[in-house]
N, C-alpha and C. Protein backbone atom coordinates (compact mmCIF):
# COMPACT_ATOMS: atom_id res chain seq x y z
N MET A 1 19.40 -4.65 92.82
CA MET A 1 18.71 -4.50 91.56
C MET A 1 17.24 -4.83 91.80
N HIS A 2 16.40 -3.89 91.58
CA HIS A 2 14.97 -4.05 91.80
C HIS A 2 14.35 -4.73 90.59
N PRO A 3 13.43 -5.69 90.79
CA PRO A 3 12.84 -6.41 89.66
C PRO A 3 12.20 -5.49 88.63
N LEU A 4 11.68 -4.36 89.05
CA LEU A 4 11.04 -3.47 88.08
C LEU A 4 12.05 -2.85 87.12
N LYS A 5 13.31 -2.73 87.55
CA LYS A 5 14.33 -2.20 86.66
C LYS A 5 14.61 -3.15 85.51
N LEU A 6 14.33 -4.44 85.70
CA LEU A 6 14.56 -5.44 84.65
C LEU A 6 13.32 -5.68 83.80
N ALA A 7 12.21 -5.03 84.12
CA ALA A 7 10.96 -5.27 83.41
C ALA A 7 11.08 -5.12 81.90
N PRO A 8 11.82 -4.14 81.38
CA PRO A 8 11.91 -4.04 79.92
C PRO A 8 12.51 -5.26 79.25
N LEU A 9 13.28 -6.06 79.98
CA LEU A 9 13.87 -7.26 79.39
C LEU A 9 12.82 -8.27 78.97
N TRP A 10 11.64 -8.17 79.51
CA TRP A 10 10.68 -9.24 79.35
C TRP A 10 9.47 -8.88 78.51
N SER A 11 9.51 -7.80 77.80
CA SER A 11 8.35 -7.44 76.98
C SER A 11 8.03 -8.52 75.94
N ALA A 12 9.05 -9.18 75.42
CA ALA A 12 8.82 -10.21 74.40
C ALA A 12 8.19 -11.48 74.97
N THR A 13 8.33 -11.69 76.27
CA THR A 13 7.78 -12.91 76.86
C THR A 13 6.49 -12.66 77.63
N LEU A 14 6.04 -11.44 77.67
CA LEU A 14 4.84 -11.12 78.44
C LEU A 14 3.65 -11.94 77.98
N LEU A 15 3.42 -12.04 76.69
CA LEU A 15 2.28 -12.81 76.18
C LEU A 15 2.38 -14.27 76.61
N VAL A 16 3.56 -14.85 76.49
CA VAL A 16 3.74 -16.24 76.89
C VAL A 16 3.46 -16.40 78.37
N PHE A 17 3.94 -15.46 79.18
CA PHE A 17 3.73 -15.54 80.63
C PHE A 17 2.25 -15.44 80.98
N VAL A 18 1.54 -14.54 80.36
CA VAL A 18 0.11 -14.38 80.64
C VAL A 18 -0.65 -15.65 80.27
N LEU A 19 -0.29 -16.25 79.14
CA LEU A 19 -0.97 -17.46 78.70
C LEU A 19 -0.73 -18.65 79.62
N SER A 20 0.37 -18.61 80.34
CA SER A 20 0.71 -19.77 81.15
C SER A 20 0.79 -19.47 82.64
N ALA A 21 0.24 -18.37 83.07
CA ALA A 21 0.38 -17.93 84.47
C ALA A 21 -0.18 -18.93 85.46
N SER A 22 -1.09 -19.78 85.07
CA SER A 22 -1.71 -20.71 86.01
C SER A 22 -0.94 -22.03 86.16
N ASP A 23 0.13 -22.20 85.41
CA ASP A 23 0.89 -23.46 85.50
C ASP A 23 1.46 -23.67 86.89
N ALA A 24 1.42 -24.91 87.34
CA ALA A 24 2.12 -25.29 88.56
C ALA A 24 3.54 -25.68 88.17
N PHE A 25 4.49 -25.36 89.02
CA PHE A 25 5.87 -25.69 88.70
C PHE A 25 6.18 -27.08 89.20
N ALA A 26 6.87 -27.86 88.36
CA ALA A 26 7.13 -29.27 88.65
C ALA A 26 8.49 -29.49 89.27
N GLY A 27 9.08 -28.47 89.85
CA GLY A 27 10.33 -28.68 90.55
C GLY A 27 11.54 -28.04 89.93
N ASN A 28 11.39 -27.25 88.89
CA ASN A 28 12.52 -26.54 88.32
C ASN A 28 12.66 -25.20 89.03
N ASP A 29 13.45 -25.16 90.08
CA ASP A 29 13.70 -23.96 90.85
C ASP A 29 14.76 -23.13 90.12
N ALA A 30 14.40 -21.92 89.70
CA ALA A 30 15.27 -21.10 88.86
C ALA A 30 16.66 -20.89 89.45
N CYS A 31 16.75 -20.61 90.75
CA CYS A 31 18.06 -20.33 91.36
C CYS A 31 18.89 -21.59 91.56
N LYS A 32 18.26 -22.77 91.48
CA LYS A 32 19.02 -24.02 91.52
C LYS A 32 19.44 -24.45 90.13
N ILE A 33 18.61 -24.12 89.15
CA ILE A 33 18.92 -24.45 87.75
C ILE A 33 20.09 -23.61 87.25
N LEU A 34 20.11 -22.34 87.64
CA LEU A 34 21.20 -21.44 87.27
C LEU A 34 21.64 -20.70 88.54
N PRO A 35 22.49 -21.36 89.34
CA PRO A 35 22.94 -20.72 90.59
C PRO A 35 23.74 -19.45 90.29
N PRO A 36 23.77 -18.53 91.24
CA PRO A 36 24.49 -17.27 91.00
C PRO A 36 25.97 -17.48 90.69
N GLU A 37 26.57 -18.54 91.25
CA GLU A 37 27.98 -18.82 90.96
C GLU A 37 28.18 -19.12 89.47
N LYS A 38 27.27 -19.91 88.89
CA LYS A 38 27.38 -20.26 87.47
C LYS A 38 27.04 -19.06 86.60
N PHE A 39 26.00 -18.29 86.99
CA PHE A 39 25.68 -17.06 86.26
C PHE A 39 26.91 -16.16 86.21
N GLY A 40 27.54 -15.95 87.37
CA GLY A 40 28.72 -15.09 87.43
C GLY A 40 29.90 -15.63 86.64
N GLU A 41 30.08 -16.95 86.68
CA GLU A 41 31.17 -17.56 85.90
C GLU A 41 31.00 -17.27 84.41
N ILE A 42 29.79 -17.43 83.91
CA ILE A 42 29.52 -17.18 82.49
C ILE A 42 29.66 -15.70 82.16
N MET A 43 29.18 -14.84 83.06
CA MET A 43 29.21 -13.40 82.80
C MET A 43 30.59 -12.79 83.04
N GLY A 44 31.42 -13.46 83.85
CA GLY A 44 32.77 -12.95 84.09
C GLY A 44 32.90 -12.07 85.31
N TYR A 45 32.01 -12.22 86.27
CA TYR A 45 32.09 -11.47 87.53
C TYR A 45 31.39 -12.25 88.63
N LYS A 46 31.60 -11.84 89.87
CA LYS A 46 30.94 -12.48 91.00
C LYS A 46 29.49 -12.00 91.05
N ALA A 47 28.57 -12.93 91.10
CA ALA A 47 27.14 -12.58 91.15
C ALA A 47 26.51 -13.16 92.41
N THR A 48 25.50 -12.49 92.89
CA THR A 48 24.70 -12.96 94.02
C THR A 48 23.23 -12.89 93.61
N THR A 49 22.38 -13.57 94.37
CA THR A 49 20.95 -13.46 94.10
C THR A 49 20.41 -12.22 94.82
N VAL A 50 19.29 -11.75 94.33
CA VAL A 50 18.66 -10.55 94.84
C VAL A 50 17.39 -10.96 95.57
N SER A 51 17.08 -10.28 96.68
CA SER A 51 15.81 -10.57 97.34
C SER A 51 14.69 -10.32 96.34
N GLY A 52 13.68 -11.12 96.41
CA GLY A 52 12.61 -11.07 95.42
C GLY A 52 12.70 -12.24 94.46
N SER A 53 13.82 -12.97 94.51
CA SER A 53 13.93 -14.18 93.70
C SER A 53 12.93 -15.20 94.22
N SER A 54 12.45 -16.05 93.32
CA SER A 54 11.46 -17.06 93.69
C SER A 54 11.78 -18.35 92.94
N GLU A 55 10.93 -19.36 93.12
CA GLU A 55 11.11 -20.61 92.40
C GLU A 55 11.05 -20.39 90.90
N ALA A 56 10.20 -19.48 90.46
CA ALA A 56 10.01 -19.26 89.02
C ALA A 56 10.95 -18.21 88.44
N MET A 57 11.53 -17.33 89.29
CA MET A 57 12.35 -16.24 88.76
C MET A 57 13.54 -16.00 89.69
N CYS A 58 14.73 -16.09 89.13
CA CYS A 58 15.94 -15.81 89.90
C CYS A 58 16.55 -14.52 89.38
N LEU A 59 16.80 -13.61 90.29
CA LEU A 59 17.41 -12.32 89.96
C LEU A 59 18.86 -12.33 90.42
N TYR A 60 19.76 -11.87 89.55
CA TYR A 60 21.19 -11.89 89.84
C TYR A 60 21.73 -10.47 89.86
N LYS A 61 22.63 -10.21 90.78
CA LYS A 61 23.25 -8.90 90.88
C LYS A 61 24.76 -9.07 90.79
N GLY A 62 25.37 -8.20 90.01
CA GLY A 62 26.82 -8.17 89.90
C GLY A 62 27.33 -6.80 90.28
N PRO A 63 28.58 -6.52 89.99
CA PRO A 63 29.15 -5.21 90.34
C PRO A 63 28.58 -4.09 89.47
N GLU A 64 28.45 -2.91 90.05
CA GLU A 64 28.10 -1.69 89.32
C GLU A 64 26.91 -1.84 88.38
N GLY A 65 25.82 -2.36 88.89
CA GLY A 65 24.60 -2.45 88.08
C GLY A 65 24.53 -3.62 87.13
N GLU A 66 25.55 -4.46 87.12
CA GLU A 66 25.52 -5.64 86.28
C GLU A 66 24.55 -6.65 86.89
N GLY A 67 24.06 -7.57 86.10
CA GLY A 67 23.17 -8.60 86.60
C GLY A 67 22.26 -9.13 85.54
N GLY A 68 21.18 -9.76 85.97
CA GLY A 68 20.23 -10.32 85.03
C GLY A 68 19.19 -11.15 85.74
N MET A 69 18.51 -11.97 84.95
CA MET A 69 17.47 -12.82 85.54
C MET A 69 17.22 -14.05 84.69
N LEU A 70 16.70 -15.07 85.35
CA LEU A 70 16.19 -16.28 84.70
C LEU A 70 14.76 -16.42 85.15
N MET A 71 13.85 -16.57 84.21
CA MET A 71 12.45 -16.77 84.54
C MET A 71 11.96 -18.04 83.86
N ILE A 72 11.42 -18.96 84.68
CA ILE A 72 10.76 -20.14 84.14
C ILE A 72 9.34 -19.69 83.82
N VAL A 73 9.04 -19.56 82.55
CA VAL A 73 7.75 -19.03 82.13
C VAL A 73 6.65 -20.07 82.31
N THR A 74 6.90 -21.27 81.84
CA THR A 74 5.94 -22.36 81.99
C THR A 74 6.66 -23.68 81.92
N GLU A 75 6.11 -24.66 82.59
CA GLU A 75 6.66 -26.02 82.50
C GLU A 75 5.74 -26.93 81.72
N GLN A 76 4.64 -26.40 81.24
CA GLN A 76 3.66 -27.20 80.50
C GLN A 76 3.27 -26.48 79.22
N ALA A 77 4.25 -26.14 78.42
CA ALA A 77 4.01 -25.38 77.21
C ALA A 77 3.31 -26.20 76.14
N THR A 78 2.51 -25.52 75.36
CA THR A 78 1.89 -26.13 74.18
C THR A 78 2.88 -26.01 73.01
N PRO A 79 2.68 -26.75 71.95
CA PRO A 79 3.57 -26.60 70.79
C PRO A 79 3.62 -25.17 70.26
N GLN A 80 2.49 -24.46 70.32
CA GLN A 80 2.46 -23.08 69.85
C GLN A 80 3.32 -22.17 70.73
N THR A 81 3.25 -22.36 72.04
CA THR A 81 4.05 -21.56 72.95
C THR A 81 5.53 -21.84 72.75
N ILE A 82 5.87 -23.11 72.54
CA ILE A 82 7.26 -23.47 72.30
C ILE A 82 7.76 -22.82 71.02
N ALA A 83 6.96 -22.85 69.98
CA ALA A 83 7.35 -22.22 68.71
C ALA A 83 7.58 -20.73 68.89
N MET A 84 6.73 -20.06 69.68
CA MET A 84 6.91 -18.63 69.94
C MET A 84 8.22 -18.39 70.68
N ALA A 85 8.52 -19.20 71.67
CA ALA A 85 9.73 -19.01 72.47
C ALA A 85 10.97 -19.24 71.62
N ASN A 86 10.98 -20.29 70.84
CA ASN A 86 12.16 -20.60 70.04
C ASN A 86 12.38 -19.59 68.92
N GLY A 87 11.36 -18.86 68.56
CA GLY A 87 11.51 -17.86 67.51
C GLY A 87 12.09 -16.55 67.98
N GLN A 88 12.28 -16.38 69.29
CA GLN A 88 12.72 -15.09 69.81
C GLN A 88 14.20 -14.82 69.56
N GLY A 89 15.06 -15.77 69.87
CA GLY A 89 16.49 -15.52 69.75
C GLY A 89 16.94 -14.43 70.71
N SER A 90 18.18 -14.00 70.59
CA SER A 90 18.70 -12.94 71.43
C SER A 90 18.34 -11.60 70.82
N ILE A 91 17.52 -10.86 71.52
CA ILE A 91 17.05 -9.58 71.00
C ILE A 91 17.17 -8.51 72.07
N PRO A 92 17.43 -7.27 71.66
CA PRO A 92 17.44 -6.20 72.64
C PRO A 92 16.03 -5.93 73.14
N HIS A 93 15.89 -5.54 74.39
CA HIS A 93 14.59 -5.26 74.99
C HIS A 93 14.57 -3.87 75.57
N GLY A 94 14.11 -2.91 74.81
CA GLY A 94 13.80 -1.60 75.37
C GLY A 94 14.98 -0.70 75.64
N ASN A 95 15.82 -1.04 76.56
CA ASN A 95 16.90 -0.15 76.98
C ASN A 95 18.23 -0.60 76.41
N PRO A 96 19.07 0.36 76.00
CA PRO A 96 20.41 -0.01 75.55
C PRO A 96 21.16 -0.75 76.66
N GLY A 97 21.94 -1.73 76.28
CA GLY A 97 22.72 -2.47 77.26
C GLY A 97 21.96 -3.57 77.96
N LYS A 98 20.77 -3.92 77.45
CA LYS A 98 20.00 -5.01 78.04
C LYS A 98 19.62 -5.97 76.92
N LEU A 99 19.86 -7.24 77.16
CA LEU A 99 19.51 -8.28 76.20
C LEU A 99 18.68 -9.35 76.89
N GLY A 100 17.81 -9.98 76.13
CA GLY A 100 17.04 -11.09 76.66
C GLY A 100 16.54 -11.96 75.54
N ALA A 101 16.19 -13.18 75.88
CA ALA A 101 15.67 -14.10 74.88
C ALA A 101 14.85 -15.17 75.58
N SER A 102 13.94 -15.77 74.81
CA SER A 102 13.12 -16.88 75.29
C SER A 102 13.60 -18.16 74.61
N PHE A 103 13.58 -19.24 75.38
CA PHE A 103 14.05 -20.53 74.89
C PHE A 103 13.12 -21.61 75.42
N SER A 104 13.29 -22.83 74.91
CA SER A 104 12.53 -23.95 75.46
C SER A 104 13.37 -25.21 75.45
N LYS A 105 13.00 -26.11 76.35
CA LYS A 105 13.53 -27.47 76.35
C LYS A 105 12.37 -28.36 76.75
N GLY A 106 11.99 -29.26 75.87
CA GLY A 106 10.80 -30.07 76.12
C GLY A 106 9.60 -29.16 76.24
N THR A 107 8.86 -29.28 77.32
CA THR A 107 7.68 -28.44 77.52
C THR A 107 7.97 -27.25 78.43
N VAL A 108 9.23 -27.05 78.79
CA VAL A 108 9.61 -25.93 79.65
C VAL A 108 10.02 -24.74 78.78
N VAL A 109 9.41 -23.60 79.02
CA VAL A 109 9.79 -22.36 78.35
C VAL A 109 10.39 -21.44 79.40
N PHE A 110 11.54 -20.86 79.07
CA PHE A 110 12.20 -19.95 80.01
C PHE A 110 12.78 -18.76 79.28
N SER A 111 13.04 -17.71 80.03
CA SER A 111 13.66 -16.51 79.48
C SER A 111 14.90 -16.18 80.28
N VAL A 112 15.89 -15.66 79.59
CA VAL A 112 17.13 -15.21 80.21
C VAL A 112 17.32 -13.77 79.80
N GLY A 113 17.67 -12.93 80.76
CA GLY A 113 17.95 -11.53 80.47
C GLY A 113 19.21 -11.09 81.19
N ILE A 114 19.95 -10.19 80.57
CA ILE A 114 21.18 -9.68 81.18
C ILE A 114 21.28 -8.17 80.97
N ASN A 115 22.03 -7.54 81.84
CA ASN A 115 22.50 -6.19 81.59
C ASN A 115 23.81 -6.38 80.85
N GLY A 116 23.79 -6.15 79.56
CA GLY A 116 24.97 -6.38 78.74
C GLY A 116 24.62 -6.28 77.28
N THR A 117 25.62 -6.40 76.44
CA THR A 117 25.41 -6.25 75.00
C THR A 117 25.91 -7.44 74.19
N ASP A 118 26.31 -8.51 74.86
CA ASP A 118 26.88 -9.66 74.17
C ASP A 118 25.86 -10.80 74.09
N PRO A 119 25.25 -11.01 72.91
CA PRO A 119 24.26 -12.09 72.78
C PRO A 119 24.82 -13.47 73.09
N SER A 120 26.12 -13.67 72.92
CA SER A 120 26.69 -14.99 73.21
C SER A 120 26.57 -15.32 74.70
N LYS A 121 26.54 -14.30 75.57
CA LYS A 121 26.36 -14.53 77.01
C LYS A 121 24.95 -15.05 77.28
N VAL A 122 23.95 -14.46 76.61
CA VAL A 122 22.57 -14.93 76.76
C VAL A 122 22.47 -16.38 76.32
N ASN A 123 23.08 -16.69 75.19
CA ASN A 123 23.03 -18.05 74.67
C ASN A 123 23.79 -19.04 75.57
N ALA A 124 24.91 -18.61 76.15
CA ALA A 124 25.65 -19.48 77.07
C ALA A 124 24.84 -19.74 78.34
N LEU A 125 24.16 -18.72 78.85
CA LEU A 125 23.31 -18.91 80.03
C LEU A 125 22.17 -19.87 79.69
N ALA A 126 21.57 -19.70 78.52
CA ALA A 126 20.46 -20.58 78.11
C ALA A 126 20.94 -22.01 77.97
N ALA A 127 22.14 -22.22 77.45
CA ALA A 127 22.67 -23.58 77.31
C ALA A 127 22.87 -24.22 78.69
N GLU A 128 23.32 -23.43 79.66
CA GLU A 128 23.50 -23.95 81.02
C GLU A 128 22.15 -24.30 81.63
N VAL A 129 21.15 -23.46 81.43
CA VAL A 129 19.80 -23.76 81.94
C VAL A 129 19.29 -25.06 81.32
N LYS A 130 19.44 -25.21 80.01
CA LYS A 130 18.96 -26.43 79.34
C LYS A 130 19.63 -27.67 79.90
N ARG A 131 20.93 -27.58 80.22
CA ARG A 131 21.65 -28.72 80.81
C ARG A 131 21.06 -29.12 82.16
N ASN A 132 20.54 -28.14 82.90
CA ASN A 132 20.13 -28.40 84.28
C ASN A 132 18.62 -28.59 84.47
N LEU A 133 17.83 -28.37 83.44
CA LEU A 133 16.38 -28.56 83.58
C LEU A 133 16.04 -30.02 83.81
N LYS A 134 15.01 -30.27 84.61
CA LYS A 134 14.55 -31.64 84.85
C LYS A 134 13.72 -32.12 83.68
């Protein structure tokens, strides 16, 4: 799964990402916060990480085009950025069968996106991320 194929998932978080692009990451490694085994357990299939994953963005691949991503947008969010992230909820992004949402915990803002149509999966992934954030 090429990162550009998932680009439509993130149109709602683009503004937040641009505003916080200079943030240094304080140790929340996306693929450690939501390992592919846990992503796959929640989604109901075996998942692996995709090359191109980084500390800030973990890309997951499942069978037959299934997968998704976790992006740590910022670790030093302002109250305004947090309010924007929490207002997103689970929303479709561009292409049918793709869902994504922005969330926050403390000053960390992150986005979760999946190839799928079940918003409860996005919310379950976000809950797991929140449990594991530093």
